[in-house]
Amino acid sequence: MAAVAQGQQVAVREVMDIRQAAEYLGISGDTLYRYASEGFVPAFKLGNRWRFRKSLLDNWMDEKSGVVSASVDPAVKKPVARAR
């Protein structure tokens, strides 16, 4: 039973290609390619191929979902601009 569970787990690497990253994010490769081309997701090109760092994707997902990062102190608020 344990061997079956291990076989079903996706090996998540720190640097992923478009197929691995799309599977990690749960979207199609075509959609991820478009997002990367438009600069919507953090990505970089190595040669002519898109690459994705897992840590940057995790931070991006946290940001988009409204999760506050541990390095940000929620008690410190930005000053509000004065109305004109």
C-alpha atoms as a PDB file:
ATOM      1  CA  MET A   1       0.000   0.000   0.000  1.00  0.00           C
ATOM      2  CA  ALA A   2       2.833   2.415   0.831  1.00  0.00           C
ATOM      3  CA  ALA A   3       4.427   1.807  -2.572  1.00  0.00           C
ATOM      4  CA  VAL A   4       1.187   2.827  -4.293  1.00  0.00           C
ATOM      5  CA  ALA A   5       0.999   6.036  -2.255  1.00  0.00           C
ATOM      6  CA  GLN A   6       4.597   6.893  -3.119  1.00  0.00           C
ATOM      7  CA  GLY A   7       3.971   6.251  -6.810  1.00  0.00           C
ATOM      8  CA  GLN A   8       1.051   8.683  -6.856  1.00  0.00           C
ATOM      9  CA  GLN A   9       2.977  11.547  -5.294  1.00  0.00           C
ATOM     10  CA  VAL A  10       4.306  14.126  -7.719  1.00  0.00           C
ATOM     11  CA  ALA A  11       7.998  14.851  -7.281  1.00  0.00           C
ATOM     12  CA  VAL A  12       8.070  18.617  -6.747  1.00  0.00           C
ATOM     13  CA  ARG A  13      11.389  20.204  -7.600  1.00  0.00           C
ATOM     14  CA  GLU A  14      12.558  23.714  -6.769  1.00  0.00           C
ATOM     15  CA  VAL A  15      12.934  24.544 -10.476  1.00  0.00           C
ATOM     16  CA  MET A  16      10.186  23.142 -12.669  1.00  0.00           C
ATOM     17  CA  ASP A  17       9.483  23.116 -16.382  1.00  0.00           C
ATOM     18  CA  ILE A  18       6.116  24.229 -17.720  1.00  0.00           C
ATOM     19  CA  ARG A  19       4.552  20.765 -17.514  1.00  0.00           C
ATOM     20  CA  GLN A  20       5.645  20.214 -13.904  1.00  0.00           C
ATOM     21  CA  ALA A  21       4.600  23.712 -12.820  1.00  0.00           C
ATOM     22  CA  ALA A  22       1.219  23.426 -14.545  1.00  0.00           C
ATOM     23  CA  GLU A  23       0.575  20.143 -12.752  1.00  0.00           C
ATOM     24  CA  TYR A  24       1.702  21.695  -9.441  1.00  0.00           C
ATOM     25  CA  LEU A  25      -0.670  24.646  -9.931  1.00  0.00           C
ATOM     26  CA  GLY A  26      -3.509  22.486 -11.266  1.00  0.00           C
ATOM     27  CA  ILE A  27      -3.895  24.345 -14.554  1.00  0.00           C
ATOM     28  CA  SER A  28      -3.219  23.447 -18.166  1.00  0.00           C
ATOM     29  CA  GLY A  29       0.191  23.921 -19.717  1.00  0.00           C
ATOM     30  CA  ASP A  30      -1.296  26.251 -22.335  1.00  0.00           C
ATOM     31  CA  THR A  31      -2.765  28.489 -19.635  1.00  0.00           C
ATOM     32  CA  LEU A  32       0.514  28.585 -17.708  1.00  0.00           C
ATOM     33  CA  TYR A  33       2.440  29.366 -20.896  1.00  0.00           C
ATOM     34  CA  ARG A  34       0.112  32.328 -21.527  1.00  0.00           C
ATOM     35  CA  TYR A  35       0.428  33.505 -17.900  1.00  0.00           C
ATOM     36  CA  ALA A  36       4.242  33.321 -18.090  1.00  0.00           C
ATOM     37  CA  SER A  37       4.339  35.160 -21.439  1.00  0.00           C
ATOM     38  CA  GLU A  38       2.141  37.931 -20.027  1.00  0.00           C
ATOM     39  CA  GLY A  39       4.197  38.222 -16.823  1.00  0.00           C
ATOM     40  CA  PHE A  40       1.239  37.171 -14.672  1.00  0.00           C
ATOM     41  CA  VAL A  41       3.174  34.393 -12.876  1.00  0.00           C
ATOM     42  CA  PRO A  42       6.807  34.553 -11.731  1.00  0.00           C
ATOM     43  CA  ALA A  43       8.873  32.731 -14.347  1.00  0.00           C
ATOM     44  CA  PHE A  44      12.121  32.978 -16.229  1.00  0.00           C
ATOM     45  CA  LYS A  45      13.472  31.657 -19.482  1.00  0.00           C
ATOM     46  CA  LEU A  46      16.413  29.305 -19.594  1.00  0.00           C
ATOM     47  CA  GLY A  47      17.375  29.290 -23.239  1.00  0.00           C
ATOM     48  CA  ASN A  48      14.006  29.348 -24.976  1.00  0.00           C
ATOM     49  CA  ARG A  49      12.119  27.377 -22.307  1.00  0.00           C
ATOM     50  CA  TRP A  50      10.108  28.703 -19.385  1.00  0.00           C
ATOM     51  CA  ARG A  51      11.202  27.683 -15.877  1.00  0.00           C
ATOM     52  CA  PHE A  52       9.410  28.213 -12.585  1.00  0.00           C
ATOM     53  CA  ARG A  53      10.814  28.296  -9.048  1.00  0.00           C
ATOM     54  CA  LYS A  54       8.522  26.538  -6.571  1.00  0.00           C
ATOM     55  CA  SER A  55       9.281  29.034  -3.801  1.00  0.00           C
ATOM     56  CA  LEU A  56       8.317  31.974  -6.047  1.00  0.00           C
ATOM     57  CA  LEU A  57       5.118  30.220  -7.151  1.00  0.00           C
ATOM     58  CA  ASP A  58       4.240  29.527  -3.497  1.00  0.00           C
ATOM     59  CA  ASN A  59       4.814  33.191  -2.586  1.00  0.00           C
ATOM     60  CA  TRP A  60       2.802  34.304  -5.626  1.00  0.00           C
ATOM     61  CA  MET A  61      -0.108  32.030  -4.648  1.00  0.00           C
ATOM     62  CA  ASP A  62       0.012  33.340  -1.066  1.00  0.00           C
ATOM     63  CA  GLU A  63      -0.059  36.914  -2.349  1.00  0.00           C
ATOM     64  CA  LYS A  64      -2.941  36.261  -4.733  1.00  0.00           C
ATOM     65  CA  SER A  65      -4.960  34.421  -2.084  1.00  0.00           C
ATOM     66  CA  GLY A  66      -4.474  37.153   0.520  1.00  0.00           C
ATOM     67  CA  VAL A  67      -2.252  35.137   2.855  1.00  0.00           C
ATOM     68  CA  VAL A  68      -0.013  37.393   4.912  1.00  0.00           C
ATOM     69  CA  SER A  69       3.626  36.374   4.749  1.00  0.00           C
ATOM     70  CA  ALA A  70       5.452  35.672   8.018  1.00  0.00           C
ATOM     71  CA  SER A  71       7.954  38.466   7.302  1.00  0.00           C
ATOM     72  CA  VAL A  72       5.213  41.122   7.240  1.00  0.00           C
ATOM     73  CA  ASP A  73       4.073  42.454  10.600  1.00  0.00           C
ATOM     74  CA  PRO A  74       0.276  42.947  10.328  1.00  0.00           C
ATOM     75  CA  ALA A  75       0.380  45.390  13.275  1.00  0.00           C
ATOM     76  CA  VAL A  76       2.437  47.859  11.224  1.00  0.00           C
ATOM     77  CA  LYS A  77       0.128  49.768   8.939  1.00  0.00           C
ATOM     78  CA  LYS A  78       1.043  51.959   6.020  1.00  0.00           C
ATOM     79  CA  PRO A  79       0.193  55.641   6.409  1.00  0.00           C
ATOM     80  CA  VAL A  80      -2.948  56.702   4.618  1.00  0.00           C
ATOM     81  CA  ALA A  81      -2.622  59.488   2.082  1.00  0.00           C
ATOM     82  CA  ARG A  82      -4.489  62.668   2.950  1.00  0.00           C
ATOM     83  CA  ALA A  83      -7.594  63.414   0.892  1.00  0.00           C
ATOM     84  CA  ARG A  84      -7.246  66.382  -1.435  1.00  0.00           C
END
